[in-house]
Protein backbone atom coordinates (compact mmCIF):
# COMPACT_ATOMS: atom_id res chain seq x y z
CA MET A 1 6.28 -4.10 -43.01
CA LEU A 2 6.72 -7.32 -44.96
CA VAL A 3 8.92 -7.09 -48.03
CA ARG A 4 8.97 -9.83 -50.63
CA GLY A 5 12.23 -11.73 -50.68
CA GLN A 6 13.33 -10.66 -47.19
CA PRO A 7 12.76 -12.47 -43.92
CA PRO A 8 10.20 -10.80 -41.68
CA ASN A 9 11.47 -8.48 -38.99
CA PRO A 10 10.58 -9.99 -35.60
CA ARG A 11 9.77 -6.51 -34.22
CA ASP A 12 7.36 -5.67 -37.07
CA PHE A 13 3.90 -7.12 -36.45
CA SER A 14 2.03 -5.38 -39.26
CA GLY A 15 1.61 -8.49 -41.40
CA MET A 16 0.82 -10.95 -38.62
CA ALA A 17 -2.48 -12.15 -37.29
CA PRO A 18 -3.40 -10.97 -33.78
CA ASP A 19 -2.96 -14.43 -32.24
CA VAL A 20 0.54 -14.71 -33.72
CA GLN A 21 1.32 -11.20 -32.48
CA MET A 22 0.06 -12.11 -29.02
CA ALA A 23 2.14 -15.29 -28.91
CA GLU A 24 5.22 -13.30 -29.96
CA HIS A 25 4.54 -10.68 -27.28
CA LYS A 26 4.08 -13.38 -24.66
CA ARG A 27 7.35 -15.08 -25.63
CA GLU A 28 9.22 -11.77 -25.41
CA LEU A 29 7.71 -10.79 -22.07
CA MET A 30 8.18 -14.24 -20.51
CA ALA A 31 11.82 -14.30 -21.64
CA GLU A 32 12.43 -11.16 -19.57
CA THR A 33 10.89 -12.56 -16.37
CA ASN A 34 12.08 -15.05 -13.77
CA GLY A 35 9.05 -17.28 -14.36
CA THR A 36 7.23 -16.75 -11.07
CA VAL A 37 3.47 -17.10 -10.86
CA VAL A 38 3.01 -13.39 -10.18
CA GLU A 39 5.09 -12.44 -13.20
CA LYS A 40 3.15 -14.88 -15.39
CA MET A 41 -0.09 -13.29 -14.19
CA LEU A 42 1.25 -9.81 -14.97
CA VAL A 43 2.31 -10.96 -18.45
CA ASP A 44 -1.17 -12.39 -19.05
CA GLN A 45 -2.74 -9.16 -17.79
CA SER A 46 -0.60 -7.05 -20.11
CA LEU A 47 -1.57 -9.30 -23.03
CA ALA A 48 -5.26 -9.02 -22.14
CA THR A 49 -5.07 -5.24 -22.00
CA TRP A 50 -3.13 -5.23 -25.29
CA LEU A 51 -5.99 -7.23 -26.87
CA GLN A 52 -8.54 -4.76 -25.51
CA LEU A 53 -6.60 -1.86 -26.98
CA TYR A 54 -6.14 -3.72 -30.28
CA PHE A 55 -9.89 -4.42 -30.44
CA HIS A 56 -10.99 -0.84 -29.78
CA GLU A 57 -8.48 0.68 -32.18
CA GLY A 58 -9.34 -1.88 -34.87
CA ARG A 59 -13.07 -1.27 -34.49
CA GLU A 60 -12.60 2.47 -34.88
CA ALA A 61 -10.29 2.00 -37.87
CA LYS A 62 -12.59 -0.42 -39.72
CA ARG A 63 -15.94 1.17 -38.92
CA PRO A 64 -15.60 4.81 -37.89
CA ALA A 65 -18.60 6.23 -36.09
CA ASP A 66 -21.01 8.49 -37.95
CA ASN A 67 -22.08 10.32 -34.82
CA VAL A 68 -19.74 12.62 -32.88
CA GLN A 69 -21.03 11.36 -29.55
CA ILE A 70 -20.28 7.78 -30.50
CA SER A 71 -16.81 8.83 -31.65
CA GLU A 72 -16.18 10.52 -28.31
CA HIS A 73 -17.38 7.42 -26.46
CA ARG A 74 -15.10 5.17 -28.52
CA LEU A 75 -12.19 7.55 -27.96
CA LYS A 76 -12.76 7.30 -24.21
CA LYS A 77 -12.80 3.51 -24.53
CA ILE A 78 -9.49 3.59 -26.43
CA GLU A 79 -7.94 5.93 -23.87
CA SER A 80 -9.07 3.82 -20.93
CA ALA A 81 -7.81 0.63 -22.63
CA PHE A 82 -4.49 2.38 -23.28
CA ASN A 83 -4.26 3.50 -19.64
CA ARG A 84 -5.01 -0.03 -18.41
CA HIS A 85 -2.36 -1.42 -20.76
CA MET A 86 0.25 1.08 -19.58
CA LYS A 87 -0.55 0.33 -15.92
CA SER A 88 -0.16 -3.40 -16.51
CA LEU A 89 3.18 -2.84 -18.25
CA ASN A 90 4.28 -0.56 -15.41
CA ALA A 91 3.37 -3.25 -12.88
CA LEU A 92 5.40 -5.81 -14.80
CA ALA A 93 8.35 -3.43 -15.12
CA SER A 94 8.24 -2.54 -11.44
CA MET A 95 8.20 -6.24 -10.55
CA LYS A 96 11.32 -6.68 -12.67
CA SER A 97 13.03 -3.66 -11.14
CA VAL A 98 12.28 -4.76 -7.58
CA ASN A 99 13.60 -8.22 -8.45
CA PHE A 100 11.28 -9.74 -5.90
CA THR A 101 12.19 -13.30 -6.82
CA LYS A 102 15.87 -13.10 -5.94
CA ARG A 103 15.09 -11.42 -2.64
CA MET A 104 12.56 -14.10 -1.77
CA VAL A 105 15.03 -16.87 -2.62
CA GLU A 106 17.69 -15.22 -0.45
CA ALA A 107 15.21 -14.81 2.41
CA MET A 108 14.11 -18.45 2.15
CA LYS A 109 17.74 -19.61 2.11
CA ALA A 110 18.42 -17.53 5.21
CA VAL A 111 15.41 -19.03 6.99
CA THR A 112 16.33 -22.58 6.04
CA GLN A 113 19.92 -21.93 7.06
CA ASP A 114 18.71 -20.77 10.49
CA VAL A 115 16.60 -23.92 10.80
CA ASP A 116 19.59 -26.07 9.82
CA ASP A 117 21.73 -24.23 12.37
CA ASP A 118 19.09 -24.83 15.05
CA GLN A 119 18.95 -28.53 14.24
CA SER A 120 22.72 -28.89 14.32
CA GLU A 121 22.84 -27.02 17.66
CA SER A 122 20.24 -29.31 19.19
CA ALA A 123 22.12 -32.39 17.96
CA SER A 124 25.29 -31.50 19.86
CA SER A 125 25.66 -30.38 23.44
CA PRO A 126 25.01 -26.67 24.14
CA GLU A 127 28.39 -26.28 25.83
CA ASP A 128 30.22 -27.18 22.61
CA GLN A 129 28.39 -24.57 20.52
CA PRO A 130 29.36 -20.91 20.70
CA ARG A 131 26.45 -18.57 21.29
CA HIS A 132 25.86 -16.48 18.18
CA ASN A 133 22.57 -14.95 19.21
CA ARG A 134 21.71 -14.82 22.89
CA LEU A 135 18.06 -13.96 22.16
CA ARG A 136 17.49 -17.05 20.04
CA ASP A 137 17.59 -19.29 23.12
CA SER A 138 15.15 -17.00 24.95
CA PHE A 139 12.49 -17.34 22.26
CA ARG A 140 13.09 -20.98 21.41
CA ARG A 141 10.13 -22.16 23.51
CA ALA A 142 7.79 -19.73 21.75
CA PHE A 143 7.60 -22.11 18.78
CA ASP A 144 6.82 -25.23 20.85
CA LEU A 145 3.26 -26.51 20.86
CA ALA A 146 1.27 -25.59 23.94
CA PRO A 147 -1.20 -28.07 25.44
CA MET A 148 -4.83 -27.09 24.87
CA ASN A 149 -6.40 -28.38 28.13
């Protein structure tokens, strides 16, 4: 709640417009991610579901339904929007807990390190290099291009 004479609390969105609230949510969620494309998509999805929930709750608060059947229908809409929002937040949280980005970076470094090792091995004579993996030489030709005659 906004109080005159005090700075606004960044966690209190009651006096803000929805677009300002959404921008604040996006900043907070993006600050917690590693900035990958998948995480950006999940942040956008959670914001979209938050807007859906905000819309349905606001519509019911401003213009309550006169008919019980319409009220039940709107309640189902609110519940389904809430469930979608919670699922999108769970997907974002699980992506953070898995820490997919760091694992992918480590895997890519390992692959590029193997490629660098292969290039350095081919540059020097095979007798000078100790054999770290005896199967690597067996499958080396599998990656060569085959003629298509």
